[in-house]
Amino acid sequence: MQITILGANTFLGEHLINAIDNNYHGFDKKLWNYNEKLEGLKEAIEVVSELLSRCKVFNVSVLVHLSSTYLQCSTKWPNIFGRESEEKFLKESPFNEYCTNSKLSIVITRVGPVYGEGDRHSLVCDSLLLNYYFGFVPRIGNHKDMGMLQFTYVGNVAVALIKVGEKLLYSSEHYPCEIVIICDNTPLYDFYTFFGQIYDLKEKMSAGEDLALEEKKMRGTNEDEQNINIGNWAIPFWIFFLPYLFICWIIQMSCSLFHFNSSLNKFPSPNLFYLLLRHWTFYCSYKLRVFFDFKPPYDWETCLNRSRQYYSKLKDVVFIFPLKL
């Protein structure tokens, strides 16, 4: 049996290879690595336009497509469970042939924020850089109305992708374009509580005060000890969000009216900040568990212990080489 992994040298790709090697034997792996750091983020119009024809030439029978829930969810279509083959999406799709494919079994898997060993680009890593430059991680929003952000452990994502591909390969049913959400048993927290769990920061509640995270010293390889600290004071969400929304609107209007490209136009979307810091996000794993027989191999305690060991070491690298991330 042959399996091709696009982006094999990425965060998730490395875990996917390990999961295959540890649980399956006799697989002929074809690994496509990204030669440049950001190659996987470049526009790849040729890949999508030629994908089906290439799959036909090489007799590919199953395609598992990993996507981010943030790519699908927008202010116009705020439902991450929508199929690209639906008429309302199809009208705006540049590659209708891919979306309406009926010969190849395709499952589009969608996953939220991912954490775990090998991570260098998640919110946890961004927070480490903020802690390095400011001495603490700024808190935006009140703890009581901050919403929820559902993380997923990378090892469980890798195994889920294998289970989905295995189901497609051995199933007598045809899946023209199925949508599956990948999630595990990671508890539902707002980001700051999750960050505190990763770095084993203890929470305290004082009478009449908001919830604050007590800093704890994390020992590294250097003689000096560095602190991971979440700010006790909070910037109200709307005081941060509305000015940022206005600034982004001005930049977009200027770029559109005067027809010039600017790096400022690549600022994170205000929608992203709203999803991360205000929205209550819950993913349902029913379809993944029932139809694809997936059970997360790593429980929350195992994921937490592994992640704590990794991120505590990564913290020391960040403090020594803050631009490495």
C-alpha atoms as a PDB file:
ATOM      1  CA  MET A   1       0.000   0.000   0.000  1.00  0.00           C
ATOM      2  CA  GLN A   2       1.277   3.447  -0.894  1.00  0.00           C
ATOM      3  CA  ILE A   3       0.630   6.658   0.985  1.00  0.00           C
ATOM      4  CA  THR A   4       1.786  10.139  -0.025  1.00  0.00           C
ATOM      5  CA  ILE A   5       2.186  12.881   2.579  1.00  0.00           C
ATOM      6  CA  LEU A   6       2.370  16.464   1.359  1.00  0.00           C
ATOM      7  CA  GLY A   7       4.326  18.584   3.833  1.00  0.00           C
ATOM      8  CA  ALA A   8       5.990  15.634   5.574  1.00  0.00           C
ATOM      9  CA  ASN A   9       8.533  17.850   7.348  1.00  0.00           C
ATOM     10  CA  THR A  10       5.891  20.046   8.980  1.00  0.00           C
ATOM     11  CA  PHE A  11       4.641  20.002  12.567  1.00  0.00           C
ATOM     12  CA  LEU A  12       1.771  17.628  11.812  1.00  0.00           C
ATOM     13  CA  GLY A  13       3.575  15.751   9.041  1.00  0.00           C
ATOM     14  CA  GLU A  14       6.264  14.488  11.407  1.00  0.00           C
ATOM     15  CA  HIS A  15       3.654  13.202  13.856  1.00  0.00           C
ATOM     16  CA  LEU A  16       1.786  11.547  10.987  1.00  0.00           C
ATOM     17  CA  ILE A  17       4.927   9.680   9.910  1.00  0.00           C
ATOM     18  CA  ASN A  18       5.588   8.527  13.482  1.00  0.00           C
ATOM     19  CA  ALA A  19       1.998   7.321  13.865  1.00  0.00           C
ATOM     20  CA  ILE A  20       2.256   5.284  10.652  1.00  0.00           C
ATOM     21  CA  ASP A  21       5.626   3.780  11.595  1.00  0.00           C
ATOM     22  CA  ASN A  22       4.452   2.863  15.105  1.00  0.00           C
ATOM     23  CA  ASN A  23       1.080   1.368  14.186  1.00  0.00           C
ATOM     24  CA  TYR A  24       1.239   0.191  10.588  1.00  0.00           C
ATOM     25  CA  HIS A  25       3.746  -1.946   8.736  1.00  0.00           C
ATOM     26  CA  GLY A  26       4.231  -2.487   5.036  1.00  0.00           C
ATOM     27  CA  PHE A  27       3.289   1.057   4.018  1.00  0.00           C
ATOM     28  CA  ASP A  28       5.279   2.514   1.123  1.00  0.00           C
ATOM     29  CA  LYS A  29       5.564   6.178   2.125  1.00  0.00           C
ATOM     30  CA  LYS A  30       6.146   8.930  -0.423  1.00  0.00           C
ATOM     31  CA  LEU A  31       7.185  12.088   1.412  1.00  0.00           C
ATOM     32  CA  TRP A  32       6.912  15.549  -0.134  1.00  0.00           C
ATOM     33  CA  ASN A  33       8.818  18.041   1.996  1.00  0.00           C
ATOM     34  CA  TYR A  34       8.611  21.813   1.968  1.00  0.00           C
ATOM     35  CA  ASN A  35      12.014  23.211   1.033  1.00  0.00           C
ATOM     36  CA  GLU A  36      11.311  26.666   2.429  1.00  0.00           C
ATOM     37  CA  LYS A  37       9.962  27.598   5.847  1.00  0.00           C
ATOM     38  CA  LEU A  38       6.768  29.214   4.537  1.00  0.00           C
ATOM     39  CA  GLU A  39       6.343  27.162   1.374  1.00  0.00           C
ATOM     40  CA  GLY A  40       3.240  25.495   2.752  1.00  0.00           C
ATOM     41  CA  LEU A  41       1.576  28.903   3.147  1.00  0.00           C
ATOM     42  CA  LYS A  42       2.070  30.007  -0.444  1.00  0.00           C
ATOM     43  CA  GLU A  43      -0.788  30.100  -2.911  1.00  0.00           C
ATOM     44  CA  ALA A  44      -0.832  26.799  -4.779  1.00  0.00           C
ATOM     45  CA  ILE A  45      -3.365  27.324  -7.551  1.00  0.00           C
ATOM     46  CA  GLU A  46      -1.639  24.823  -9.831  1.00  0.00           C
ATOM     47  CA  VAL A  47      -1.888  22.086  -7.206  1.00  0.00           C
ATOM     48  CA  VAL A  48      -5.654  22.426  -6.791  1.00  0.00           C
ATOM     49  CA  SER A  49      -6.355  22.843 -10.505  1.00  0.00           C
ATOM     50  CA  GLU A  50      -4.352  19.733 -11.451  1.00  0.00           C
ATOM     51  CA  LEU A  51      -5.007  17.585  -8.391  1.00  0.00           C
ATOM     52  CA  LEU A  52      -7.785  15.402  -9.795  1.00  0.00           C
ATOM     53  CA  SER A  53      -5.993  14.734 -13.076  1.00  0.00           C
ATOM     54  CA  ARG A  54      -2.798  13.807 -11.205  1.00  0.00           C
ATOM     55  CA  CYS A  55      -4.719  11.472  -8.920  1.00  0.00           C
ATOM     56  CA  LYS A  56      -6.203   9.782 -11.975  1.00  0.00           C
ATOM     57  CA  VAL A  57      -2.798   9.309 -13.608  1.00  0.00           C
ATOM     58  CA  PHE A  58      -1.304   7.686 -10.493  1.00  0.00           C
ATOM     59  CA  ASN A  59      -4.434   5.664  -9.627  1.00  0.00           C
ATOM     60  CA  VAL A  60      -5.090   7.442  -6.334  1.00  0.00           C
ATOM     61  CA  SER A  61      -8.265   6.097  -4.756  1.00  0.00           C
ATOM     62  CA  VAL A  62      -8.449   8.044  -1.477  1.00  0.00           C
ATOM     63  CA  LEU A  63      -7.709  11.675  -0.664  1.00  0.00           C
ATOM     64  CA  VAL A  64      -7.735  13.044   2.904  1.00  0.00           C
ATOM     65  CA  HIS A  65      -7.597  16.827   2.924  1.00  0.00           C
ATOM     66  CA  LEU A  66      -6.676  18.599   6.175  1.00  0.00           C
ATOM     67  CA  SER A  67      -8.049  22.103   6.607  1.00  0.00           C
ATOM     68  CA  SER A  68      -8.370  24.674   9.362  1.00  0.00           C
ATOM     69  CA  THR A  69     -11.765  25.514  10.792  1.00  0.00           C
ATOM     70  CA  TYR A  70     -10.779  29.176  10.469  1.00  0.00           C
ATOM     71  CA  LEU A  71     -10.491  28.922   6.684  1.00  0.00           C
ATOM     72  CA  GLN A  72     -14.104  27.899   6.310  1.00  0.00           C
ATOM     73  CA  CYS A  73     -15.688  30.020   9.022  1.00  0.00           C
ATOM     74  CA  SER A  74     -16.314  33.646   8.054  1.00  0.00           C
ATOM     75  CA  THR A  75     -18.759  36.433   8.761  1.00  0.00           C
ATOM     76  CA  LYS A  76     -20.563  35.506   5.537  1.00  0.00           C
ATOM     77  CA  TRP A  77     -20.647  31.743   6.086  1.00  0.00           C
ATOM     78  CA  PRO A  78     -20.153  31.197   9.841  1.00  0.00           C
ATOM     79  CA  ASN A  79     -20.771  27.438   9.659  1.00  0.00           C
ATOM     80  CA  ILE A  80     -17.703  25.182   9.591  1.00  0.00           C
ATOM     81  CA  PHE A  81     -19.803  22.122   8.712  1.00  0.00           C
ATOM     82  CA  GLY A  82     -20.730  23.368   5.242  1.00  0.00           C
ATOM     83  CA  ARG A  83     -19.725  21.322   2.198  1.00  0.00           C
ATOM     84  CA  GLU A  84     -17.911  23.058  -0.643  1.00  0.00           C
ATOM     85  CA  SER A  85     -20.197  21.177  -3.038  1.00  0.00           C
ATOM     86  CA  GLU A  86     -23.272  22.996  -1.701  1.00  0.00           C
ATOM     87  CA  GLU A  87     -24.721  25.458  -4.160  1.00  0.00           C
ATOM     88  CA  LYS A  88     -24.142  28.543  -2.013  1.00  0.00           C
ATOM     89  CA  PHE A  89     -20.410  27.724  -1.783  1.00  0.00           C
ATOM     90  CA  LEU A  90     -20.072  26.347  -5.306  1.00  0.00           C
ATOM     91  CA  LYS A  91     -21.029  29.645  -6.930  1.00  0.00           C
ATOM     92  CA  GLU A  92     -17.943  31.289  -5.428  1.00  0.00           C
ATOM     93  CA  SER A  93     -15.545  28.364  -5.798  1.00  0.00           C
ATOM     94  CA  PRO A  94     -12.724  28.794  -8.351  1.00  0.00           C
ATOM     95  CA  PHE A  95     -12.354  24.993  -8.713  1.00  0.00           C
ATOM     96  CA  ASN A  96     -15.809  23.524  -9.214  1.00  0.00           C
ATOM     97  CA  GLU A  97     -14.432  20.275 -10.618  1.00  0.00           C
ATOM     98  CA  TYR A  98     -12.682  19.507  -7.352  1.00  0.00           C
ATOM     99  CA  CYS A  99     -15.737  20.346  -5.265  1.00  0.00           C
ATOM    100  CA  THR A 100     -18.156  18.297  -7.379  1.00  0.00           C
ATOM    101  CA  ASN A 101     -15.852  15.300  -7.843  1.00  0.00           C
ATOM    102  CA  SER A 102     -17.765  12.019  -7.841  1.00  0.00           C
ATOM    103  CA  LYS A 103     -15.073   9.480  -8.774  1.00  0.00           C
ATOM    104  CA  LEU A 104     -12.498   9.935  -6.016  1.00  0.00           C
ATOM    105  CA  SER A 105     -13.258   9.294  -2.332  1.00  0.00           C
ATOM    106  CA  ILE A 106     -12.456  12.555  -0.556  1.00  0.00           C
ATOM    107  CA  VAL A 107     -12.812  13.526   3.083  1.00  0.00           C
ATOM    108  CA  ILE A 108     -12.074  17.082   4.137  1.00  0.00           C
ATOM    109  CA  THR A 109     -11.000  17.074   7.779  1.00  0.00           C
ATOM    110  CA  ARG A 110     -11.141  20.315   9.723  1.00  0.00           C
ATOM    111  CA  VAL A 111      -9.311  21.008  12.950  1.00  0.00           C
ATOM    112  CA  GLY A 112      -9.003  23.978  15.290  1.00  0.00           C
ATOM    113  CA  PRO A 113      -5.846  25.149  17.114  1.00  0.00           C
ATOM    114  CA  VAL A 114      -3.290  22.339  17.526  1.00  0.00           C
ATOM    115  CA  TYR A 115      -0.649  21.949  20.243  1.00  0.00           C
ATOM    116  CA  GLY A 116       2.073  19.465  21.178  1.00  0.00           C
ATOM    117  CA  GLU A 117       5.684  18.465  20.564  1.00  0.00           C
ATOM    118  CA  GLY A 118       7.284  20.155  17.570  1.00  0.00           C
ATOM    119  CA  ASP A 119       4.987  23.193  17.664  1.00  0.00           C
ATOM    120  CA  ARG A 120       6.643  26.470  16.655  1.00  0.00           C
ATOM    121  CA  HIS A 121       3.776  28.626  15.363  1.00  0.00           C
ATOM    122  CA  SER A 122       0.761  28.241  17.657  1.00  0.00           C
ATOM    123  CA  LEU A 123      -0.802  30.716  20.068  1.00  0.00           C
ATOM    124  CA  VAL A 124       1.296  29.161  22.822  1.00  0.00           C
ATOM    125  CA  CYS A 125       4.497  30.067  20.942  1.00  0.00           C
ATOM    126  CA  ASP A 126       3.219  33.567  20.173  1.00  0.00           C
ATOM    127  CA  SER A 127       2.520  34.028  23.876  1.00  0.00           C
ATOM    128  CA  LEU A 128       6.077  32.978  24.721  1.00  0.00           C
ATOM    129  CA  LEU A 129       7.387  35.756  22.482  1.00  0.00           C
ATOM    130  CA  LEU A 130       5.036  38.279  24.091  1.00  0.00           C
ATOM    131  CA  ASN A 131       6.260  37.151  27.495  1.00  0.00           C
ATOM    132  CA  TYR A 132       9.862  37.592  26.352  1.00  0.00           C
ATOM    133  CA  TYR A 133       9.380  41.141  25.042  1.00  0.00           C
ATOM    134  CA  PHE A 134       6.927  42.484  27.651  1.00  0.00           C
ATOM    135  CA  GLY A 135       7.728  40.340  30.674  1.00  0.00           C
ATOM    136  CA  PHE A 136       4.159  38.996  30.719  1.00  0.00           C
ATOM    137  CA  VAL A 137       1.362  37.888  28.406  1.00  0.00           C
ATOM    138  CA  PRO A 138      -1.179  40.730  28.063  1.00  0.00           C
ATOM    139  CA  ARG A 139      -4.712  39.755  28.997  1.00  0.00           C
ATOM    140  CA  ILE A 140      -7.389  40.971  26.581  1.00  0.00           C
ATOM    141  CA  GLY A 141     -10.963  40.608  27.729  1.00  0.00           C
ATOM    142  CA  ASN A 142     -12.668  39.809  30.986  1.00  0.00           C
ATOM    143  CA  HIS A 143     -12.350  36.222  32.170  1.00  0.00           C
ATOM    144  CA  LYS A 144     -16.112  35.852  32.645  1.00  0.00           C
ATOM    145  CA  ASP A 145     -17.040  36.600  29.012  1.00  0.00           C
ATOM    146  CA  MET A 146     -13.892  35.503  27.207  1.00  0.00           C
ATOM    147  CA  GLY A 147     -15.509  32.561  25.430  1.00  0.00           C
ATOM    148  CA  MET A 148     -13.971  29.160  24.719  1.00  0.00           C
ATOM    149  CA  LEU A 149     -11.224  27.983  22.397  1.00  0.00           C
ATOM    150  CA  GLN A 150     -11.035  24.256  21.689  1.00  0.00           C
ATOM    151  CA  PHE A 151      -7.500  22.944  21.219  1.00  0.00           C
ATOM    152  CA  THR A 152      -6.531  19.495  19.877  1.00  0.00           C
ATOM    153  CA  TYR A 153      -3.362  17.499  20.575  1.00  0.00           C
ATOM    154  CA  VAL A 154      -1.279  16.945  17.434  1.00  0.00           C
ATOM    155  CA  GLY A 155      -0.718  13.231  18.119  1.00  0.00           C
ATOM    156  CA  ASN A 156      -4.468  12.615  18.148  1.00  0.00           C
ATOM    157  CA  VAL A 157      -4.899  14.596  14.921  1.00  0.00           C
ATOM    158  CA  ALA A 158      -2.295  12.409  13.186  1.00  0.00           C
ATOM    159  CA  VAL A 159      -4.013   9.173  14.238  1.00  0.00           C
ATOM    160  CA  ALA A 160      -7.418  10.577  13.228  1.00  0.00           C
ATOM    161  CA  LEU A 161      -6.148  11.292   9.708  1.00  0.00           C
ATOM    162  CA  ILE A 162      -4.918   7.707   9.411  1.00  0.00           C
ATOM    163  CA  LYS A 163      -8.242   6.307  10.645  1.00  0.00           C
ATOM    164  CA  VAL A 164     -10.159   8.422   8.132  1.00  0.00           C
ATOM    165  CA  GLY A 165      -7.940   7.265   5.258  1.00  0.00           C
ATOM    166  CA  GLU A 166      -8.177   3.654   6.416  1.00  0.00           C
ATOM    167  CA  LYS A 167     -11.967   3.840   6.534  1.00  0.00           C
ATOM    168  CA  LEU A 168     -12.144   5.231   3.014  1.00  0.00           C
ATOM    169  CA  LEU A 169      -9.724   2.654   1.665  1.00  0.00           C
ATOM    170  CA  TYR A 170     -11.503  -0.429   2.981  1.00  0.00           C
ATOM    171  CA  SER A 171     -15.085   0.800   2.842  1.00  0.00           C
ATOM    172  CA  SER A 172     -17.466  -0.348   0.149  1.00  0.00           C
ATOM    173  CA  GLU A 173     -19.236   3.004   0.335  1.00  0.00           C
ATOM    174  CA  HIS A 174     -18.190   5.982  -1.749  1.00  0.00           C
ATOM    175  CA  TYR A 175     -17.446   9.344  -0.107  1.00  0.00           C
ATOM    176  CA  PRO A 176     -17.487  12.029  -2.815  1.00  0.00           C
ATOM    177  CA  CYS A 177     -16.822  14.968  -0.479  1.00  0.00           C
ATOM    178  CA  GLU A 178     -17.421  14.340   3.214  1.00  0.00           C
ATOM    179  CA  ILE A 179     -16.698  16.830   6.014  1.00  0.00           C
ATOM    180  CA  VAL A 180     -15.284  15.643   9.360  1.00  0.00           C
ATOM    181  CA  ILE A 181     -14.271  17.685  12.411  1.00  0.00           C
ATOM    182  CA  ILE A 182     -11.217  16.417  14.326  1.00  0.00           C
ATOM    183  CA  CYS A 183     -11.120  17.017  18.070  1.00  0.00           C
ATOM    184  CA  ASP A 184     -10.143  15.075  21.181  1.00  0.00           C
ATOM    185  CA  ASN A 185     -10.579  15.127  24.954  1.00  0.00           C
ATOM    186  CA  THR A 186      -8.662  18.337  25.581  1.00  0.00           C
ATOM    187  CA  PRO A 187     -10.829  20.307  28.066  1.00  0.00           C
ATOM    188  CA  LEU A 188     -12.662  23.412  26.926  1.00  0.00           C
ATOM    189  CA  TYR A 189     -10.889  26.505  28.216  1.00  0.00           C
ATOM    190  CA  ASP A 190     -10.413  30.090  27.240  1.00  0.00           C
ATOM    191  CA  PHE A 191      -6.903  30.616  25.889  1.00  0.00           C
ATOM    192  CA  TYR A 192      -5.400  32.079  29.055  1.00  0.00           C
ATOM    193  CA  THR A 193      -6.597  29.173  31.188  1.00  0.00           C
ATOM    194  CA  PHE A 194      -5.244  26.709  28.617  1.00  0.00           C
ATOM    195  CA  PHE A 195      -1.902  28.529  28.558  1.00  0.00           C
ATOM    196  CA  GLY A 196      -1.831  28.366  32.354  1.00  0.00           C
ATOM    197  CA  GLN A 197      -2.436  24.611  32.213  1.00  0.00           C
ATOM    198  CA  ILE A 198       0.413  24.088  29.747  1.00  0.00           C
ATOM    199  CA  TYR A 199       2.852  25.967  31.991  1.00  0.00           C
ATOM    200  CA  ASP A 200       1.348  24.694  35.247  1.00  0.00           C
ATOM    201  CA  LEU A 201       0.424  28.184  36.422  1.00  0.00           C
ATOM    202  CA  LYS A 202      -1.846  28.121  39.446  1.00  0.00           C
ATOM    203  CA  GLU A 203      -5.104  30.047  39.569  1.00  0.00           C
ATOM    204  CA  LYS A 204      -6.202  32.142  42.534  1.00  0.00           C
ATOM    205  CA  MET A 205      -9.484  33.826  43.239  1.00  0.00           C
ATOM    206  CA  SER A 206      -9.511  36.795  45.604  1.00  0.00           C
ATOM    207  CA  ALA A 207     -12.746  38.111  47.073  1.00  0.00           C
ATOM    208  CA  GLY A 208     -14.242  40.718  44.759  1.00  0.00           C
ATOM    209  CA  GLU A 209     -11.427  40.344  42.202  1.00  0.00           C
ATOM    210  CA  ASP A 210     -11.241  38.784  38.769  1.00  0.00           C
ATOM    211  CA  LEU A 211      -9.556  35.457  38.226  1.00  0.00           C
ATOM    212  CA  ALA A 212      -5.778  35.816  37.912  1.00  0.00           C
ATOM    213  CA  LEU A 213      -3.019  33.378  37.128  1.00  0.00           C
ATOM    214  CA  GLU A 214      -0.119  33.188  39.551  1.00  0.00           C
ATOM    215  CA  GLU A 215       3.259  33.029  37.868  1.00  0.00           C
ATOM    216  CA  LYS A 216       5.504  30.066  38.528  1.00  0.00           C
ATOM    217  CA  LYS A 217       9.213  29.925  37.809  1.00  0.00           C
ATOM    218  CA  MET A 218      10.145  27.410  35.159  1.00  0.00           C
ATOM    219  CA  ARG A 219      13.705  26.146  35.442  1.00  0.00           C
ATOM    220  CA  GLY A 220      15.706  26.034  32.220  1.00  0.00           C
ATOM    221  CA  THR A 221      19.199  25.161  31.167  1.00  0.00           C
ATOM    222  CA  ASN A 222      20.569  28.620  31.938  1.00  0.00           C
ATOM    223  CA  GLU A 223      21.774  29.792  35.311  1.00  0.00           C
ATOM    224  CA  ASP A 224      19.128  32.492  35.304  1.00  0.00           C
ATOM    225  CA  GLU A 225      15.505  31.503  35.715  1.00  0.00           C
ATOM    226  CA  GLN A 226      12.855  32.967  33.463  1.00  0.00           C
ATOM    227  CA  ASN A 227       9.277  33.573  34.503  1.00  0.00           C
ATOM    228  CA  ILE A 228       6.133  32.843  32.559  1.00  0.00           C
ATOM    229  CA  ASN A 229       3.560  35.375  33.693  1.00  0.00           C
ATOM    230  CA  ILE A 230       0.043  36.264  32.603  1.00  0.00           C
ATOM    231  CA  GLY A 231      -0.907  39.845  33.386  1.00  0.00           C
ATOM    232  CA  ASN A 232      -3.305  40.291  36.287  1.00  0.00           C
ATOM    233  CA  TRP A 233      -4.922  43.345  34.739  1.00  0.00           C
ATOM    234  CA  ALA A 234      -7.027  43.038  31.603  1.00  0.00           C
ATOM    235  CA  ILE A 235      -7.686  45.289  28.618  1.00  0.00           C
ATOM    236  CA  PRO A 236     -11.460  45.305  27.965  1.00  0.00           C
ATOM    237  CA  PHE A 237     -12.098  43.433  24.734  1.00  0.00           C
ATOM    238  CA  TRP A 238     -14.093  46.165  23.009  1.00  0.00           C
ATOM    239  CA  ILE A 239     -11.490  48.832  23.809  1.00  0.00           C
ATOM    240  CA  PHE A 240      -8.971  46.686  21.933  1.00  0.00           C
ATOM    241  CA  PHE A 241     -11.225  45.301  19.195  1.00  0.00           C
ATOM    242  CA  LEU A 242     -13.091  48.366  17.898  1.00  0.00           C
ATOM    243  CA  PRO A 243      -9.982  50.537  17.267  1.00  0.00           C
ATOM    244  CA  TYR A 244      -8.266  47.563  15.615  1.00  0.00           C
ATOM    245  CA  LEU A 245     -11.334  46.975  13.447  1.00  0.00           C
ATOM    246  CA  PHE A 246     -11.338  50.638  12.385  1.00  0.00           C
ATOM    247  CA  ILE A 247      -7.598  50.587  11.572  1.00  0.00           C
ATOM    248  CA  CYS A 248      -8.004  47.460   9.428  1.00  0.00           C
ATOM    249  CA  TRP A 249     -10.957  49.028   7.607  1.00  0.00           C
ATOM    250  CA  ILE A 250      -8.925  52.172   6.822  1.00  0.00           C
ATOM    251  CA  ILE A 251      -6.029  50.069   5.500  1.00  0.00           C
ATOM    252  CA  GLN A 252      -8.288  47.943   3.294  1.00  0.00           C
ATOM    253  CA  MET A 253     -10.108  50.968   1.909  1.00  0.00           C
ATOM    254  CA  SER A 254      -6.836  52.753   1.160  1.00  0.00           C
ATOM    255  CA  CYS A 255      -5.373  49.732  -0.609  1.00  0.00           C
ATOM    256  CA  SER A 256      -8.563  49.296  -2.621  1.00  0.00           C
ATOM    257  CA  LEU A 257      -8.975  52.945  -3.639  1.00  0.00           C
ATOM    258  CA  PHE A 258      -5.342  53.649  -4.473  1.00  0.00           C
ATOM    259  CA  HIS A 259      -4.533  50.183  -5.863  1.00  0.00           C
ATOM    260  CA  PHE A 260      -1.357  49.538  -3.939  1.00  0.00           C
ATOM    261  CA  ASN A 261      -0.159  46.529  -2.014  1.00  0.00           C
ATOM    262  CA  SER A 262       1.046  46.989   1.515  1.00  0.00           C
ATOM    263  CA  SER A 263       2.352  44.658   4.176  1.00  0.00           C
ATOM    264  CA  LEU A 264      -0.114  46.396   6.502  1.00  0.00           C
ATOM    265  CA  ASN A 265      -2.903  44.764   4.520  1.00  0.00           C
ATOM    266  CA  LYS A 266      -1.689  41.423   5.869  1.00  0.00           C
ATOM    267  CA  PHE A 267      -2.607  42.230   9.456  1.00  0.00           C
ATOM    268  CA  PRO A 268      -4.586  39.445  11.173  1.00  0.00           C
ATOM    269  CA  SER A 269      -8.267  39.700  10.421  1.00  0.00           C
ATOM    270  CA  PRO A 270     -10.446  41.218  13.169  1.00  0.00           C
ATOM    271  CA  ASN A 271     -12.612  38.115  12.759  1.00  0.00           C
ATOM    272  CA  LEU A 272      -9.708  36.000  14.005  1.00  0.00           C
ATOM    273  CA  PHE A 273      -9.334  38.007  17.209  1.00  0.00           C
ATOM    274  CA  TYR A 274     -13.062  37.733  17.800  1.00  0.00           C
ATOM    275  CA  LEU A 275     -12.961  33.954  17.356  1.00  0.00           C
ATOM    276  CA  LEU A 276      -9.933  33.578  19.622  1.00  0.00           C
ATOM    277  CA  LEU A 277     -10.906  35.912  22.451  1.00  0.00           C
ATOM    278  CA  ARG A 278     -14.687  36.279  22.412  1.00  0.00           C
ATOM    279  CA  HIS A 279     -16.399  33.430  20.584  1.00  0.00           C
ATOM    280  CA  TRP A 280     -17.623  30.230  22.244  1.00  0.00           C
ATOM    281  CA  THR A 281     -16.365  27.438  19.983  1.00  0.00           C
ATOM    282  CA  PHE A 282     -17.467  23.828  20.436  1.00  0.00           C
ATOM    283  CA  TYR A 283     -16.543  21.083  17.984  1.00  0.00           C
ATOM    284  CA  CYS A 284     -18.489  17.827  17.815  1.00  0.00           C
ATOM    285  CA  SER A 285     -16.558  14.584  17.294  1.00  0.00           C
ATOM    286  CA  TYR A 286     -19.674  12.437  16.806  1.00  0.00           C
ATOM    287  CA  LYS A 287     -19.102  11.748  13.107  1.00  0.00           C
ATOM    288  CA  LEU A 288     -15.410  11.033  13.660  1.00  0.00           C
ATOM    289  CA  ARG A 289     -16.111   8.587  16.499  1.00  0.00           C
ATOM    290  CA  VAL A 290     -19.149   6.810  15.055  1.00  0.00           C
ATOM    291  CA  PHE A 291     -18.516   6.688  11.313  1.00  0.00           C
ATOM    292  CA  PHE A 292     -14.723   6.485  11.354  1.00  0.00           C
ATOM    293  CA  ASP A 293     -14.257   4.461  14.567  1.00  0.00           C
ATOM    294  CA  PHE A 294     -11.845   6.971  16.052  1.00  0.00           C
ATOM    295  CA  LYS A 295     -10.912   6.959  19.704  1.00  0.00           C
ATOM    296  CA  PRO A 296      -8.169   9.403  20.776  1.00  0.00           C
ATOM    297  CA  PRO A 297      -5.121   7.280  21.701  1.00  0.00           C
ATOM    298  CA  TYR A 298      -3.793   9.975  24.046  1.00  0.00           C
ATOM    299  CA  ASP A 299      -5.881  11.130  26.990  1.00  0.00           C
ATOM    300  CA  TRP A 300      -5.737  14.666  28.398  1.00  0.00           C
ATOM    301  CA  GLU A 301      -3.267  13.797  31.146  1.00  0.00           C
ATOM    302  CA  THR A 302      -0.818  12.271  28.657  1.00  0.00           C
ATOM    303  CA  CYS A 303      -1.197  15.198  26.254  1.00  0.00           C
ATOM    304  CA  LEU A 304      -0.655  17.676  29.072  1.00  0.00           C
ATOM    305  CA  ASN A 305       2.450  15.947  30.451  1.00  0.00           C
ATOM    306  CA  ARG A 306       4.049  15.637  27.013  1.00  0.00           C
ATOM    307  CA  SER A 307       3.253  19.235  26.150  1.00  0.00           C
ATOM    308  CA  ARG A 308       4.578  20.573  29.451  1.00  0.00           C
ATOM    309  CA  GLN A 309       7.906  18.831  28.893  1.00  0.00           C
ATOM    310  CA  TYR A 310       8.173  20.173  25.347  1.00  0.00           C
ATOM    311  CA  TYR A 311       7.056  23.762  25.941  1.00  0.00           C
ATOM    312  CA  SER A 312       9.211  24.143  29.062  1.00  0.00           C
ATOM    313  CA  LYS A 313      12.251  23.314  26.921  1.00  0.00           C
ATOM    314  CA  LEU A 314      11.014  25.520  24.083  1.00  0.00           C
ATOM    315  CA  LYS A 315      10.688  28.406  26.545  1.00  0.00           C
ATOM    316  CA  ASP A 316      14.437  28.354  27.128  1.00  0.00           C
ATOM    317  CA  VAL A 317      15.108  28.385  23.373  1.00  0.00           C
ATOM    318  CA  VAL A 318      12.788  31.374  22.963  1.00  0.00           C
ATOM    319  CA  PHE A 319      14.506  33.327  25.710  1.00  0.00           C
ATOM    320  CA  ILE A 320      17.924  32.671  24.147  1.00  0.00           C
ATOM    321  CA  PHE A 321      16.893  33.052  20.491  1.00  0.00           C
ATOM    322  CA  PRO A 322      13.617  34.999  20.517  1.00  0.00           C
ATOM    323  CA  LEU A 323      13.417  35.245  16.726  1.00  0.00           C
ATOM    324  CA  LYS A 324      13.748  31.503  16.113  1.00  0.00           C
ATOM    325  CA  LEU A 325       9.991  31.026  16.097  1.00  0.00           C
END
